[in-house]
């Protein structure tokens, strides 16, 4: 098993409200977000907002497309899980 190390130096900056998501989404996704909200059952809203927050976060990340292409093509850098989580090295 391998995993990619955390390449950032701080907390993940994800929009936390419907308004913040709406402001961060590219215009072409705004209508899809609104339609998803309009069609969602109340019990599904929490998960829906979390999913769209991830979409908005990724859309704002300039390197996200390149990273996704690298993962899909199998060319992304990978590391042994024991190197990323030393405590697990002896368990594998």
Protein backbone atom coordinates (compact mmCIF):
# COMPACT_ATOMS: atom_id res chain seq x y z
CA UNK A 1 0.00 0.00 0.00
CA UNK A 2 1.24 3.52 -0.70
CA UNK A 3 0.00 7.00 0.04
CA UNK A 4 0.90 10.49 -1.01
CA UNK A 5 2.25 12.69 1.80
CA UNK A 6 0.53 15.85 2.90
CA UNK A 7 1.97 18.55 0.71
CA UNK A 8 0.47 21.53 2.46
CA UNK A 9 1.46 23.44 5.54
CA UNK A 10 -1.82 24.32 7.18
CA UNK A 11 -5.47 23.52 7.50
CA UNK A 12 -7.54 22.78 4.43
CA UNK A 13 -9.32 25.97 3.43
CA UNK A 14 -12.80 24.84 2.43
CA UNK A 15 -15.88 27.08 2.15
CA UNK A 16 -18.24 26.35 5.04
CA UNK A 17 -21.51 28.01 4.06
CA UNK A 18 -23.85 27.89 1.07
CA UNK A 19 -22.97 31.52 0.30
CA UNK A 20 -19.23 30.87 0.49
CA UNK A 21 -19.58 27.85 -1.79
CA UNK A 22 -21.63 29.86 -4.25
CA UNK A 23 -18.97 32.62 -4.31
CA UNK A 24 -16.11 30.15 -4.88
CA UNK A 25 -17.73 28.03 -7.58
CA UNK A 26 -16.96 28.88 -11.19
CA UNK A 27 -20.00 30.39 -12.92
CA UNK A 28 -20.63 27.25 -15.00
CA UNK A 29 -21.24 25.24 -11.80
CA UNK A 30 -23.42 27.76 -9.99
CA UNK A 31 -26.67 26.64 -11.59
CA UNK A 32 -25.92 22.96 -10.93
CA UNK A 33 -25.26 23.77 -7.27
CA UNK A 34 -28.53 25.67 -6.98
CA UNK A 35 -30.45 22.86 -8.68
CA UNK A 36 -28.91 20.32 -6.30
CA UNK A 37 -29.96 22.47 -3.33
CA UNK A 38 -33.46 22.91 -4.74
CA UNK A 39 -33.93 19.16 -5.21
CA UNK A 40 -32.34 17.98 -1.94
CA UNK A 41 -34.34 16.47 0.88
CA UNK A 42 -33.70 18.19 4.23
CA UNK A 43 -31.86 15.16 5.62
CA UNK A 44 -29.48 15.25 2.64
CA UNK A 45 -28.49 18.92 2.89
CA UNK A 46 -25.52 18.46 5.23
CA UNK A 47 -23.86 15.91 2.95
CA UNK A 48 -24.73 17.87 -0.17
CA UNK A 49 -23.16 21.06 1.16
CA UNK A 50 -20.04 19.12 2.21
CA UNK A 51 -19.72 17.62 -1.27
CA UNK A 52 -20.12 20.96 -3.00
CA UNK A 53 -17.64 22.56 -0.58
CA UNK A 54 -15.08 20.04 -1.82
CA UNK A 55 -15.99 20.87 -5.43
CA UNK A 56 -15.58 24.59 -4.75
CA UNK A 57 -12.26 24.00 -2.97
CA UNK A 58 -10.94 21.92 -5.85
CA UNK A 59 -12.19 24.40 -8.46
CA UNK A 60 -10.18 27.15 -6.73
CA UNK A 61 -6.98 25.05 -6.61
CA UNK A 62 -4.82 25.82 -9.64
CA UNK A 63 -2.97 22.50 -9.35
CA UNK A 64 -6.02 20.27 -8.90
CA UNK A 65 -6.44 19.41 -12.59
CA UNK A 66 -2.78 18.47 -12.99
CA UNK A 67 -2.89 16.37 -9.82
CA UNK A 68 -6.04 14.56 -10.96
CA UNK A 69 -4.47 13.83 -14.35
CA UNK A 70 -1.35 12.43 -12.65
CA UNK A 71 -3.45 10.14 -10.44
CA UNK A 72 -5.55 8.93 -13.37
CA UNK A 73 -2.49 8.25 -15.53
CA UNK A 74 -0.56 6.53 -12.74
CA UNK A 75 2.25 9.10 -12.79
CA UNK A 76 1.56 10.74 -9.41
CA UNK A 77 4.35 10.51 -6.86
CA UNK A 78 3.64 7.86 -4.25
CA UNK A 79 5.32 6.86 -1.02
CA UNK A 80 5.25 3.79 1.16
CA UNK A 81 2.70 4.16 3.92
CA UNK A 82 5.34 3.42 6.55
CA UNK A 83 7.28 6.46 5.34
CA UNK A 84 4.23 8.68 5.72
CA UNK A 85 3.00 7.12 8.98
CA UNK A 86 6.06 5.64 10.70
CA UNK A 87 3.93 4.09 13.45
CA UNK A 88 2.34 1.85 10.83
CA UNK A 89 5.63 0.66 9.34
CA UNK A 90 5.98 -2.25 11.75
CA UNK A 91 2.33 -3.28 11.40
CA UNK A 92 2.41 -3.96 7.66
